[in-house]
Amino acid sequence: MDGSTIAISLKGITQPCQLFNSGAGQYHWFSTIPPERRGLHGEFDYYGLSKRVYRCLNTNVDVALGRLKVRQRGRVVVLSGQVGSPKLLNQVVELALSVEGVDEVETKGVSITETC
């Protein structure tokens, strides 16, 4: 990809900015996709981080996580729903943090439903 420089003027201030050619005659502002926007197959996906975390959880957790929702706010993963135990919640958080692009995991919306 070659970089082309253009001048951008905002509020009377002109700054040089670099655009990158994708090879198909299209230019983009970034030469790479940010980790929080990378999809399951490396493509741009606005919700890519939450999808990759969900796939990681489904692959590595032995119990069903059907009542757990995975969302994202930038590089923060937001979990909501129900899990079966505090131990399972800790495992889910550790796995989520292991996914590239995750900076933090919020669990405020998660309730624990232990069954006796």
PDB file of N, CA and C in Angstrom:
ATOM      1  N   MET A   1       0.834  -1.174   0.000  1.00  0.00           N
ATOM      2  CA  MET A   1       0.000   0.000   0.000  1.00  0.00           C
ATOM      3  C   MET A   1       0.882   1.241   0.000  1.00  0.00           C
ATOM      4  N   ASP A   2       0.595   2.138  -0.901  1.00  0.00           N
ATOM      5  CA  ASP A   2       1.352   3.376  -0.906  1.00  0.00           C
ATOM      6  C   ASP A   2       0.562   4.449  -0.177  1.00  0.00           C
ATOM      7  N   GLY A   3       1.263   5.391   0.426  1.00  0.00           N
ATOM      8  CA  GLY A   3       0.598   6.457   1.161  1.00  0.00           C
ATOM      9  C   GLY A   3       0.565   7.727   0.343  1.00  0.00           C
ATOM     10  N   SER A   4      -0.579   8.330   0.224  1.00  0.00           N
ATOM     11  CA  SER A   4      -0.726   9.602  -0.458  1.00  0.00           C
ATOM     12  C   SER A   4      -1.042  10.656   0.581  1.00  0.00           C
ATOM     13  N   THR A   5      -0.404  11.801   0.467  1.00  0.00           N
ATOM     14  CA  THR A   5      -0.627  12.863   1.432  1.00  0.00           C
ATOM     15  C   THR A   5      -1.563  13.900   0.836  1.00  0.00           C
ATOM     16  N   ILE A   6      -2.568  14.281   1.615  1.00  0.00           N
ATOM     17  CA  ILE A   6      -3.478  15.344   1.207  1.00  0.00           C
ATOM     18  C   ILE A   6      -3.514  16.377   2.319  1.00  0.00           C
ATOM     19  N   ALA A   7      -3.969  17.559   2.002  1.00  0.00           N
ATOM     20  CA  ALA A   7      -4.082  18.610   3.011  1.00  0.00           C
ATOM     21  C   ALA A   7      -5.533  18.700   3.458  1.00  0.00           C
ATOM     22  N   ILE A   8      -5.749  18.648   4.755  1.00  0.00           N
ATOM     23  CA  ILE A   8      -7.077  18.768   5.339  1.00  0.00           C
ATOM     24  C   ILE A   8      -7.142  20.103   6.069  1.00  0.00           C
ATOM     25  N   SER A   9      -8.198  20.857   5.834  1.00  0.00           N
ATOM     26  CA  SER A   9      -8.348  22.147   6.492  1.00  0.00           C
ATOM     27  C   SER A   9      -9.598  22.124   7.366  1.00  0.00           C
ATOM     28  N   LEU A  10      -9.402  22.293   8.662  1.00  0.00           N
ATOM     29  CA  LEU A  10     -10.496  22.368   9.616  1.00  0.00           C
ATOM     30  C   LEU A  10     -10.355  23.653  10.412  1.00  0.00           C
ATOM     31  N   LYS A  11     -11.388  24.451  10.402  1.00  0.00           N
ATOM     32  CA  LYS A  11     -11.402  25.716  11.141  1.00  0.00           C
ATOM     33  C   LYS A  11     -10.186  26.578  10.813  1.00  0.00           C
ATOM     34  N   GLY A  12      -9.809  26.605   9.538  1.00  0.00           N
ATOM     35  CA  GLY A  12      -8.721  27.463   9.104  1.00  0.00           C
ATOM     36  C   GLY A  12      -7.329  26.910   9.343  1.00  0.00           C
ATOM     37  N   ILE A  13      -7.219  25.736   9.947  1.00  0.00           N
ATOM     38  CA  ILE A  13      -5.915  25.123  10.198  1.00  0.00           C
ATOM     39  C   ILE A  13      -5.733  23.998   9.187  1.00  0.00           C
ATOM     40  N   THR A  14      -4.669  24.075   8.419  1.00  0.00           N
ATOM     41  CA  THR A  14      -4.410  23.055   7.403  1.00  0.00           C
ATOM     42  C   THR A  14      -3.364  22.083   7.918  1.00  0.00           C
ATOM     43  N   GLN A  15      -3.685  20.800   7.847  1.00  0.00           N
ATOM     44  CA  GLN A  15      -2.787  19.740   8.294  1.00  0.00           C
ATOM     45  C   GLN A  15      -2.612  18.724   7.176  1.00  0.00           C
ATOM     46  N   PRO A  16      -1.393  18.225   6.961  1.00  0.00           N
ATOM     47  CA  PRO A  16      -1.237  17.135   6.000  1.00  0.00           C
ATOM     48  C   PRO A  16      -1.714  15.825   6.632  1.00  0.00           C
ATOM     49  N   CYS A  17      -2.459  15.047   5.880  1.00  0.00           N
ATOM     50  CA  CYS A  17      -2.943  13.744   6.344  1.00  0.00           C
ATOM     51  C   CYS A  17      -2.571  12.702   5.304  1.00  0.00           C
ATOM     52  N   GLN A  18      -2.310  11.505   5.763  1.00  0.00           N
ATOM     53  CA  GLN A  18      -1.907  10.452   4.847  1.00  0.00           C
ATOM     54  C   GLN A  18      -3.061   9.481   4.622  1.00  0.00           C
ATOM     55  N   LEU A  19      -3.339   9.208   3.352  1.00  0.00           N
ATOM     56  CA  LEU A  19      -4.327   8.209   2.966  1.00  0.00           C
ATOM     57  C   LEU A  19      -3.584   6.999   2.418  1.00  0.00           C
ATOM     58  N   PHE A  20      -4.156   5.809   2.586  1.00  0.00           N
ATOM     59  CA  PHE A  20      -3.521   4.587   2.130  1.00  0.00           C
ATOM     60  C   PHE A  20      -4.364   3.941   1.045  1.00  0.00           C
ATOM     61  N   ASN A  21      -3.705   3.532  -0.031  1.00  0.00           N
ATOM     62  CA  ASN A  21      -4.375   2.897  -1.156  1.00  0.00           C
ATOM     63  C   ASN A  21      -4.545   1.419  -0.855  1.00  0.00           C
ATOM     64  N   SER A  22      -5.784   0.934  -0.945  1.00  0.00           N
ATOM     65  CA  SER A  22      -6.058  -0.474  -0.664  1.00  0.00           C
ATOM     66  C   SER A  22      -5.667  -1.377  -1.825  1.00  0.00           C
ATOM     67  N   GLY A  23      -5.280  -0.788  -2.939  1.00  0.00           N
ATOM     68  CA  GLY A  23      -4.915  -1.586  -4.099  1.00  0.00           C
ATOM     69  C   GLY A  23      -6.064  -1.724  -5.081  1.00  0.00           C
ATOM     70  N   ALA A  24      -7.262  -1.403  -4.657  1.00  0.00           N
ATOM     71  CA  ALA A  24      -8.431  -1.497  -5.529  1.00  0.00           C
ATOM     72  C   ALA A  24      -8.891  -0.102  -5.940  1.00  0.00           C
ATOM     73  N   GLY A  25      -7.986   0.863  -5.850  1.00  0.00           N
ATOM     74  CA  GLY A  25      -8.340   2.221  -6.216  1.00  0.00           C
ATOM     75  C   GLY A  25      -9.104   2.958  -5.132  1.00  0.00           C
ATOM     76  N   GLN A  26      -9.212   2.356  -3.944  1.00  0.00           N
ATOM     77  CA  GLN A  26      -9.906   2.992  -2.834  1.00  0.00           C
ATOM     78  C   GLN A  26      -8.876   3.434  -1.804  1.00  0.00           C
ATOM     79  N   TYR A  27      -9.118   4.593  -1.220  1.00  0.00           N
ATOM     80  CA  TYR A  27      -8.203   5.113  -0.216  1.00  0.00           C
ATOM     81  C   TYR A  27      -8.862   5.092   1.152  1.00  0.00           C
ATOM     82  N   HIS A  28      -8.066   4.799   2.176  1.00  0.00           N
ATOM     83  CA  HIS A  28      -8.548   4.708   3.547  1.00  0.00           C
ATOM     84  C   HIS A  28      -7.649   5.555   4.442  1.00  0.00           C
ATOM     85  N   TRP A  29      -8.182   5.979   5.578  1.00  0.00           N
ATOM     86  CA  TRP A  29      -7.405   6.788   6.517  1.00  0.00           C
ATOM     87  C   TRP A  29      -6.375   5.966   7.271  1.00  0.00           C
ATOM     88  N   PHE A  30      -6.633   4.697   7.479  1.00  0.00           N
ATOM     89  CA  PHE A  30      -5.735   3.864   8.274  1.00  0.00           C
ATOM     90  C   PHE A  30      -5.142   2.766   7.408  1.00  0.00           C
ATOM     91  N   SER A  31      -3.898   2.407   7.696  1.00  0.00           N
ATOM     92  CA  SER A  31      -3.264   1.328   6.941  1.00  0.00           C
ATOM     93  C   SER A  31      -3.601  -0.034   7.541  1.00  0.00           C
ATOM     94  N   THR A  32      -4.057  -0.056   8.794  1.00  0.00           N
ATOM     95  CA  THR A  32      -4.456  -1.307   9.439  1.00  0.00           C
ATOM     96  C   THR A  32      -5.796  -1.115  10.136  1.00  0.00           C
ATOM     97  N   ILE A  33      -6.437  -2.215  10.440  1.00  0.00           N
ATOM     98  CA  ILE A  33      -7.713  -2.174  11.156  1.00  0.00           C
ATOM     99  C   ILE A  33      -7.415  -2.210  12.651  1.00  0.00           C
ATOM    100  N   PRO A  34      -7.991  -1.294  13.438  1.00  0.00           N
ATOM    101  CA  PRO A  34      -7.775  -1.341  14.889  1.00  0.00           C
ATOM    102  C   PRO A  34      -8.275  -2.668  15.460  1.00  0.00           C
ATOM    103  N   PRO A  35      -7.627  -3.216  16.489  1.00  0.00           N
ATOM    104  CA  PRO A  35      -8.002  -4.528  17.025  1.00  0.00           C
ATOM    105  C   PRO A  35      -9.463  -4.631  17.451  1.00  0.00           C
ATOM    106  N   GLU A  36     -10.034  -3.538  17.948  1.00  0.00           N
ATOM    107  CA  GLU A  36     -11.427  -3.601  18.395  1.00  0.00           C
ATOM    108  C   GLU A  36     -12.415  -3.627  17.233  1.00  0.00           C
ATOM    109  N   ARG A  37     -11.938  -3.397  16.026  1.00  0.00           N
ATOM    110  CA  ARG A  37     -12.803  -3.397  14.841  1.00  0.00           C
ATOM    111  C   ARG A  37     -12.472  -4.539  13.877  1.00  0.00           C
ATOM    112  N   ARG A  38     -11.611  -5.464  14.297  1.00  0.00           N
ATOM    113  CA  ARG A  38     -11.235  -6.597  13.454  1.00  0.00           C
ATOM    114  C   ARG A  38     -12.227  -7.732  13.668  1.00  0.00           C
ATOM    115  N   GLY A  39     -12.788  -8.228  12.571  1.00  0.00           N
ATOM    116  CA  GLY A  39     -13.798  -9.277  12.637  1.00  0.00           C
ATOM    117  C   GLY A  39     -13.215 -10.665  12.817  1.00  0.00           C
ATOM    118  N   LEU A  40     -14.077 -11.647  12.718  1.00  0.00           N
ATOM    119  CA  LEU A  40     -13.687 -13.043  12.936  1.00  0.00           C
ATOM    120  C   LEU A  40     -12.660 -13.534  11.924  1.00  0.00           C
ATOM    121  N   HIS A  41     -12.659 -12.942  10.731  1.00  0.00           N
ATOM    122  CA  HIS A  41     -11.757 -13.392   9.674  1.00  0.00           C
ATOM    123  C   HIS A  41     -10.763 -12.306   9.264  1.00  0.00           C
ATOM    124  N   GLY A  42     -10.548 -11.319  10.140  1.00  0.00           N
ATOM    125  CA  GLY A  42      -9.583 -10.264   9.871  1.00  0.00           C
ATOM    126  C   GLY A  42     -10.135  -9.068   9.119  1.00  0.00           C
ATOM    127  N   GLU A  43     -11.393  -9.117   8.741  1.00  0.00           N
ATOM    128  CA  GLU A  43     -12.013  -8.020   8.006  1.00  0.00           C
ATOM    129  C   GLU A  43     -12.461  -6.925   8.975  1.00  0.00           C
ATOM    130  N   PHE A  44     -12.773  -5.737   8.437  1.00  0.00           N
ATOM    131  CA  PHE A  44     -13.310  -4.673   9.277  1.00  0.00           C
ATOM    132  C   PHE A  44     -14.715  -5.050   9.715  1.00  0.00           C
ATOM    133  N   ASP A  45     -14.962  -4.968  11.007  1.00  0.00           N
ATOM    134  CA  ASP A  45     -16.283  -5.244  11.570  1.00  0.00           C
ATOM    135  C   ASP A  45     -16.433  -4.358  12.798  1.00  0.00           C
ATOM    136  N   TYR A  46     -17.422  -3.474  12.768  1.00  0.00           N
ATOM    137  CA  TYR A  46     -17.611  -2.531  13.868  1.00  0.00           C
ATOM    138  C   TYR A  46     -17.767  -3.250  15.207  1.00  0.00           C
ATOM    139  N   TYR A  47     -18.396  -4.425  15.205  1.00  0.00           N
ATOM    140  CA  TYR A  47     -18.600  -5.210  16.427  1.00  0.00           C
ATOM    141  C   TYR A  47     -17.652  -6.406  16.494  1.00  0.00           C
ATOM    142  N   GLY A  48     -16.522  -6.305  15.828  1.00  0.00           N
ATOM    143  CA  GLY A  48     -15.593  -7.424  15.729  1.00  0.00           C
ATOM    144  C   GLY A  48     -15.062  -7.923  17.055  1.00  0.00           C
ATOM    145  N   LEU A  49     -14.752  -7.016  17.968  1.00  0.00           N
ATOM    146  CA  LEU A  49     -14.187  -7.435  19.252  1.00  0.00           C
ATOM    147  C   LEU A  49     -15.178  -8.291  20.031  1.00  0.00           C
ATOM    148  N   SER A  50     -16.429  -7.862  20.106  1.00  0.00           N
ATOM    149  CA  SER A  50     -17.415  -8.647  20.856  1.00  0.00           C
ATOM    150  C   SER A  50     -17.640 -10.009  20.205  1.00  0.00           C
ATOM    151  N   LYS A  51     -17.596 -10.070  18.888  1.00  0.00           N
ATOM    152  CA  LYS A  51     -17.763 -11.358  18.198  1.00  0.00           C
ATOM    153  C   LYS A  51     -16.586 -12.290  18.474  1.00  0.00           C
ATOM    154  N   ARG A  52     -15.369 -11.736  18.489  1.00  0.00           N
ATOM    155  CA  ARG A  52     -14.194 -12.570  18.760  1.00  0.00           C
ATOM    156  C   ARG A  52     -14.181 -13.049  20.203  1.00  0.00           C
ATOM    157  N   VAL A  53     -14.613 -12.197  21.140  1.00  0.00           N
ATOM    158  CA  VAL A  53     -14.692 -12.610  22.542  1.00  0.00           C
ATOM    159  C   VAL A  53     -15.743 -13.700  22.700  1.00  0.00           C
ATOM    160  N   TYR A  54     -16.903 -13.531  22.076  1.00  0.00           N
ATOM    161  CA  TYR A  54     -17.969 -14.530  22.172  1.00  0.00           C
ATOM    162  C   TYR A  54     -17.500 -15.878  21.624  1.00  0.00           C
ATOM    163  N   ARG A  55     -16.792 -15.847  20.495  1.00  0.00           N
ATOM    164  CA  ARG A  55     -16.264 -17.093  19.924  1.00  0.00           C
ATOM    165  C   ARG A  55     -15.257 -17.737  20.875  1.00  0.00           C
ATOM    166  N   CYS A  56     -14.400 -16.938  21.480  1.00  0.00           N
ATOM    167  CA  CYS A  56     -13.413 -17.455  22.432  1.00  0.00           C
ATOM    168  C   CYS A  56     -14.110 -18.116  23.623  1.00  0.00           C
ATOM    169  N   LEU A  57     -15.149 -17.473  24.132  1.00  0.00           N
ATOM    170  CA  LEU A  57     -15.870 -18.036  25.276  1.00  0.00           C
ATOM    171  C   LEU A  57     -16.560 -19.340  24.904  1.00  0.00           C
ATOM    172  N   ASN A  58     -17.219 -19.378  23.761  1.00  0.00           N
ATOM    173  CA  ASN A  58     -17.907 -20.603  23.339  1.00  0.00           C
ATOM    174  C   ASN A  58     -16.941 -21.746  23.079  1.00  0.00           C
ATOM    175  N   THR A  59     -15.736 -21.425  22.654  1.00  0.00           N
ATOM    176  CA  THR A  59     -14.736 -22.447  22.370  1.00  0.00           C
ATOM    177  C   THR A  59     -14.093 -22.995  23.639  1.00  0.00           C
ATOM    178  N   ASN A  60     -13.913 -22.146  24.655  1.00  0.00           N
ATOM    179  CA  ASN A  60     -13.104 -22.519  25.815  1.00  0.00           C
ATOM    180  C   ASN A  60     -13.859 -22.760  27.116  1.00  0.00           C
ATOM    181  N   VAL A  61     -15.137 -22.460  27.167  1.00  0.00           N
ATOM    182  CA  VAL A  61     -15.907 -22.673  28.396  1.00  0.00           C
ATOM    183  C   VAL A  61     -16.751 -23.925  28.216  1.00  0.00           C
ATOM    184  N   ASP A  62     -16.712 -24.805  29.221  1.00  0.00           N
ATOM    185  CA  ASP A  62     -17.374 -26.102  29.115  1.00  0.00           C
ATOM    186  C   ASP A  62     -18.893 -26.039  29.235  1.00  0.00           C
ATOM    187  N   VAL A  63     -19.420 -25.018  29.875  1.00  0.00           N
ATOM    188  CA  VAL A  63     -20.872 -24.930  30.064  1.00  0.00           C
ATOM    189  C   VAL A  63     -21.474 -23.952  29.061  1.00  0.00           C
ATOM    190  N   ALA A  64     -22.766 -24.077  28.845  1.00  0.00           N
ATOM    191  CA  ALA A  64     -23.458 -23.199  27.901  1.00  0.00           C
ATOM    192  C   ALA A  64     -23.522 -21.776  28.456  1.00  0.00           C
ATOM    193  N   LEU A  65     -23.292 -20.819  27.594  1.00  0.00           N
ATOM    194  CA  LEU A  65     -23.325 -19.411  27.988  1.00  0.00           C
ATOM    195  C   LEU A  65     -24.491 -18.696  27.312  1.00  0.00           C
ATOM    196  N   GLY A  66     -25.582 -19.404  27.113  1.00  0.00           N
ATOM    197  CA  GLY A  66     -26.725 -18.860  26.392  1.00  0.00           C
ATOM    198  C   GLY A  66     -27.353 -17.638  27.030  1.00  0.00           C
ATOM    199  N   ARG A  67     -27.195 -17.472  28.332  1.00  0.00           N
ATOM    200  CA  ARG A  67     -27.802 -16.333  29.019  1.00  0.00           C
ATOM    201  C   ARG A  67     -26.810 -15.198  29.257  1.00  0.00           C
ATOM    202  N   LEU A  68     -25.672 -15.255  28.598  1.00  0.00           N
ATOM    203  CA  LEU A  68     -24.659 -14.217  28.749  1.00  0.00           C
ATOM    204  C   LEU A  68     -24.529 -13.462  27.432  1.00  0.00           C
ATOM    205  N   LYS A  69     -24.654 -12.149  27.495  1.00  0.00           N
ATOM    206  CA  LYS A  69     -24.509 -11.310  26.306  1.00  0.00           C
ATOM    207  C   LYS A  69     -23.157 -10.624  26.344  1.00  0.00           C
ATOM    208  N   VAL A  70     -22.534 -10.546  25.185  1.00  0.00           N
ATOM    209  CA  VAL A  70     -21.227  -9.906  25.057  1.00  0.00           C
ATOM    210  C   VAL A  70     -21.386  -8.713  24.127  1.00  0.00           C
ATOM    211  N   ARG A  71     -21.073  -7.549  24.651  1.00  0.00           N
ATOM    212  CA  ARG A  71     -21.114  -6.319  23.856  1.00  0.00           C
ATOM    213  C   ARG A  71     -19.774  -5.620  24.003  1.00  0.00           C
ATOM    214  N   GLN A  72     -19.600  -4.563  23.244  1.00  0.00           N
ATOM    215  CA  GLN A  72     -18.353  -3.813  23.359  1.00  0.00           C
ATOM    216  C   GLN A  72     -18.627  -2.321  23.309  1.00  0.00           C
ATOM    217  N   ARG A  73     -17.751  -1.590  23.965  1.00  0.00           N
ATOM    218  CA  ARG A  73     -17.728  -0.133  23.908  1.00  0.00           C
ATOM    219  C   ARG A  73     -16.267   0.232  23.669  1.00  0.00           C
ATOM    220  N   GLY A  74     -15.927   0.381  22.396  1.00  0.00           N
ATOM    221  CA  GLY A  74     -14.521   0.580  22.053  1.00  0.00           C
ATOM    222  C   GLY A  74     -13.738  -0.681  22.361  1.00  0.00           C
ATOM    223  N   ARG A  75     -12.718  -0.551  23.212  1.00  0.00           N
ATOM    224  CA  ARG A  75     -11.895  -1.704  23.588  1.00  0.00           C
ATOM    225  C   ARG A  75     -12.329  -2.322  24.912  1.00  0.00           C
ATOM    226  N   VAL A  76     -13.498  -1.907  25.401  1.00  0.00           N
ATOM    227  CA  VAL A  76     -14.044  -2.441  26.648  1.00  0.00           C
ATOM    228  C   VAL A  76     -15.135  -3.453  26.313  1.00  0.00           C
ATOM    229  N   VAL A  77     -15.030  -4.656  26.867  1.00  0.00           N
ATOM    230  CA  VAL A  77     -16.050  -5.687  26.694  1.00  0.00           C
ATOM    231  C   VAL A  77     -17.048  -5.535  27.834  1.00  0.00           C
ATOM    232  N   VAL A  78     -18.328  -5.488  27.488  1.00  0.00           N
ATOM    233  CA  VAL A  78     -19.392  -5.309  28.469  1.00  0.00           C
ATOM    234  C   VAL A  78     -20.219  -6.593  28.503  1.00  0.00           C
ATOM    235  N   LEU A  79     -20.185  -7.275  29.651  1.00  0.00           N
ATOM    236  CA  LEU A  79     -20.936  -8.515  29.823  1.00  0.00           C
ATOM    237  C   LEU A  79     -22.230  -8.226  30.568  1.00  0.00           C
ATOM    238  N   SER A  80     -23.299  -8.909  30.170  1.00  0.00           N
ATOM    239  CA  SER A  80     -24.569  -8.805  30.884  1.00  0.00           C
ATOM    240  C   SER A  80     -25.280 -10.148  30.779  1.00  0.00           C
ATOM    241  N   GLY A  81     -26.201 -10.376  31.699  1.00  0.00           N
ATOM    242  CA  GLY A  81     -26.941 -11.634  31.700  1.00  0.00           C
ATOM    243  C   GLY A  81     -26.676 -12.426  32.962  1.00  0.00           C
ATOM    244  N   GLN A  82     -26.668 -13.745  32.820  1.00  0.00           N
ATOM    245  CA  GLN A  82     -26.524 -14.623  33.978  1.00  0.00           C
ATOM    246  C   GLN A  82     -25.451 -15.675  33.734  1.00  0.00           C
ATOM    247  N   VAL A  83     -24.726 -15.988  34.806  1.00  0.00           N
ATOM    248  CA  VAL A  83     -23.781 -17.108  34.798  1.00  0.00           C
ATOM    249  C   VAL A  83     -24.065 -17.967  36.019  1.00  0.00           C
ATOM    250  N   GLY A  84     -23.574 -19.202  35.998  1.00  0.00           N
ATOM    251  CA  GLY A  84     -23.905 -20.167  37.039  1.00  0.00           C
ATOM    252  C   GLY A  84     -23.140 -20.059  38.341  1.00  0.00           C
ATOM    253  N   SER A  85     -21.965 -19.418  38.336  1.00  0.00           N
ATOM    254  CA  SER A  85     -21.181 -19.347  39.572  1.00  0.00           C
ATOM    255  C   SER A  85     -20.147 -18.227  39.473  1.00  0.00           C
ATOM    256  N   PRO A  86     -19.647 -17.774  40.634  1.00  0.00           N
ATOM    257  CA  PRO A  86     -18.575 -16.772  40.614  1.00  0.00           C
ATOM    258  C   PRO A  86     -17.312 -17.299  39.925  1.00  0.00           C
ATOM    259  N   LYS A  87     -17.046 -18.591  40.093  1.00  0.00           N
ATOM    260  CA  LYS A  87     -15.873 -19.193  39.454  1.00  0.00           C
ATOM    261  C   LYS A  87     -15.993 -19.112  37.930  1.00  0.00           C
ATOM    262  N   LEU A  88     -17.189 -19.380  37.411  1.00  0.00           N
ATOM    263  CA  LEU A  88     -17.416 -19.296  35.968  1.00  0.00           C
ATOM    264  C   LEU A  88     -17.270 -17.856  35.485  1.00  0.00           C
ATOM    265  N   LEU A  89     -17.768 -16.906  36.253  1.00  0.00           N
ATOM    266  CA  LEU A  89     -17.632 -15.495  35.875  1.00  0.00           C
ATOM    267  C   LEU A  89     -16.159 -15.100  35.813  1.00  0.00           C
ATOM    268  N   ASN A  90     -15.373 -15.530  36.789  1.00  0.00           N
ATOM    269  CA  ASN A  90     -13.933 -15.236  36.764  1.00  0.00           C
ATOM    270  C   ASN A  90     -13.263 -15.843  35.538  1.00  0.00           C
ATOM    271  N   GLN A  91     -13.658 -17.068  35.189  1.00  0.00           N
ATOM    272  CA  GLN A  91     -13.096 -17.726  34.009  1.00  0.00           C
ATOM    273  C   GLN A  91     -13.458 -16.949  32.742  1.00  0.00           C
ATOM    274  N   VAL A  92     -14.698 -16.500  32.654  1.00  0.00           N
ATOM    275  CA  VAL A  92     -15.155 -15.735  31.493  1.00  0.00           C
ATOM    276  C   VAL A  92     -14.375 -14.427  31.369  1.00  0.00           C
ATOM    277  N   VAL A  93     -14.174 -13.741  32.483  1.00  0.00           N
ATOM    278  CA  VAL A  93     -13.434 -12.473  32.464  1.00  0.00           C
ATOM    279  C   VAL A  93     -11.990 -12.704  32.024  1.00  0.00           C
ATOM    280  N   GLU A  94     -11.348 -13.734  32.561  1.00  0.00           N
ATOM    281  CA  GLU A  94      -9.960 -14.028  32.181  1.00  0.00           C
ATOM    282  C   GLU A  94      -9.849 -14.352  30.693  1.00  0.00           C
ATOM    283  N   LEU A  95     -10.788 -15.135  30.183  1.00  0.00           N
ATOM    284  CA  LEU A  95     -10.767 -15.462  28.758  1.00  0.00           C
ATOM    285  C   LEU A  95     -10.989 -14.215  27.908  1.00  0.00           C
ATOM    286  N   ALA A  96     -11.927 -13.377  28.310  1.00  0.00           N
ATOM    287  CA  ALA A  96     -12.199 -12.153  27.551  1.00  0.00           C
ATOM    288  C   ALA A  96     -10.963 -11.259  27.518  1.00  0.00           C
ATOM    289  N   LEU A  97     -10.270 -11.147  28.637  1.00  0.00           N
ATOM    290  CA  LEU A  97      -9.062 -10.317  28.691  1.00  0.00           C
ATOM    291  C   LEU A  97      -7.932 -10.879  27.832  1.00  0.00           C
ATOM    292  N   SER A  98      -7.992 -12.164  27.517  1.00  0.00           N
ATOM    293  CA  SER A  98      -6.937 -12.779  26.709  1.00  0.00           C
ATOM    294  C   SER A  98      -7.100 -12.500  25.212  1.00  0.00           C
ATOM    295  N   VAL A  99      -8.244 -11.975  24.803  1.00  0.00           N
ATOM    296  CA  VAL A  99      -8.490 -11.690  23.388  1.00  0.00           C
ATOM    297  C   VAL A  99      -7.796 -10.385  23.008  1.00  0.00           C
ATOM    298  N   GLU A 100      -7.101 -10.394  21.880  1.00  0.00           N
ATOM    299  CA  GLU A 100      -6.383  -9.204  21.429  1.00  0.00           C
ATOM    300  C   GLU A 100      -7.345  -8.036  21.235  1.00  0.00           C
ATOM    301  N   GLY A 101      -6.996  -6.902  21.817  1.00  0.00           N
ATOM    302  CA  GLY A 101      -7.804  -5.698  21.679  1.00  0.00           C
ATOM    303  C   GLY A 101      -8.637  -5.369  22.901  1.00  0.00           C
ATOM    304  N   VAL A 102      -8.764  -6.318  23.841  1.00  0.00           N
ATOM    305  CA  VAL A 102      -9.562  -6.074  25.045  1.00  0.00           C
ATOM    306  C   VAL A 102      -8.690  -5.383  26.085  1.00  0.00           C
ATOM    307  N   ASP A 103      -9.140  -4.209  26.531  1.00  0.00           N
ATOM    308  CA  ASP A 103      -8.428  -3.482  27.579  1.00  0.00           C
ATOM    309  C   ASP A 103      -9.070  -3.685  28.946  1.00  0.00           C
ATOM    310  N   GLU A 104     -10.378  -3.906  28.958  1.00  0.00           N
ATOM    311  CA  GLU A 104     -11.107  -3.986  30.221  1.00  0.00           C
ATOM    312  C   GLU A 104     -12.379  -4.797  30.004  1.00  0.00           C
ATOM    313  N   VAL A 105     -12.878  -5.422  31.082  1.00  0.00           N
ATOM    314  CA  VAL A 105     -14.135  -6.166  31.027  1.00  0.00           C
ATOM    315  C   VAL A 105     -15.040  -5.644  32.133  1.00  0.00           C
ATOM    316  N   GLU A 106     -16.242  -5.216  31.762  1.00  0.00           N
ATOM    317  CA  GLU A 106     -17.237  -4.761  32.737  1.00  0.00           C
ATOM    318  C   GLU A 106     -18.228  -5.888  32.996  1.00  0.00           C
ATOM    319  N   THR A 107     -18.518  -6.129  34.275  1.00  0.00           N
ATOM    320  CA  THR A 107     -19.433  -7.215  34.644  1.00  0.00           C
ATOM    321  C   THR A 107     -20.602  -6.719  35.495  1.00  0.00           C
ATOM    322  N   LYS A 108     -20.858  -5.424  35.491  1.00  0.00           N
ATOM    323  CA  LYS A 108     -21.919  -4.863  36.335  1.00  0.00           C
ATOM    324  C   LYS A 108     -23.286  -5.451  36.018  1.00  0.00           C
ATOM    325  N   GLY A 109     -23.511  -5.821  34.769  1.00  0.00           N
ATOM    326  CA  GLY A 109     -24.808  -6.344  34.363  1.00  0.00           C
ATOM    327  C   GLY A 109     -24.940  -7.850  34.465  1.00  0.00           C
ATOM    328  N   VAL A 110     -23.993  -8.510  35.139  1.00  0.00           N
ATOM    329  CA  VAL A 110     -24.023  -9.973  35.246  1.00  0.00           C
ATOM    330  C   VAL A 110     -24.535 -10.370  36.621  1.00  0.00           C
ATOM    331  N   SER A 111     -25.503 -11.274  36.639  1.00  0.00           N
ATOM    332  CA  SER A 111     -25.966 -11.829  37.910  1.00  0.00           C
ATOM    333  C   SER A 111     -25.576 -13.302  37.967  1.00  0.00           C
ATOM    334  N   ILE A 112     -25.366 -13.776  39.186  1.00  0.00           N
ATOM    335  CA  ILE A 112     -24.945 -15.165  39.389  1.00  0.00           C
ATOM    336  C   ILE A 112     -26.148 -15.961  39.867  1.00  0.00           C
ATOM    337  N   THR A 113     -26.447 -17.035  39.152  1.00  0.00           N
ATOM    338  CA  THR A 113     -27.609 -17.869  39.474  1.00  0.00           C
ATOM    339  C   THR A 113     -27.133 -19.264  39.838  1.00  0.00           C
ATOM    340  N   GLU A 114     -26.616 -19.398  41.036  1.00  0.00           N
ATOM    341  CA  GLU A 114     -26.135 -20.706  41.486  1.00  0.00           C
ATOM    342  C   GLU A 114     -27.320 -21.618  41.747  1.00  0.00           C
ATOM    343  N   THR A 115     -27.215 -22.830  41.240  1.00  0.00           N
ATOM    344  CA  THR A 115     -28.260 -23.822  41.490  1.00  0.00           C
ATOM    345  C   THR A 115     -27.738 -24.844  42.482  1.00  0.00           C
ATOM    346  N   CYS A 116     -28.572 -25.213  43.414  1.00  0.00           N
ATOM    347  CA  CYS A 116     -28.158 -26.164  44.455  1.00  0.00           C
ATOM    348  C   CYS A 116     -28.443 -27.580  44.043  1.00  0.00           C
TER     349      CYS A 116
END
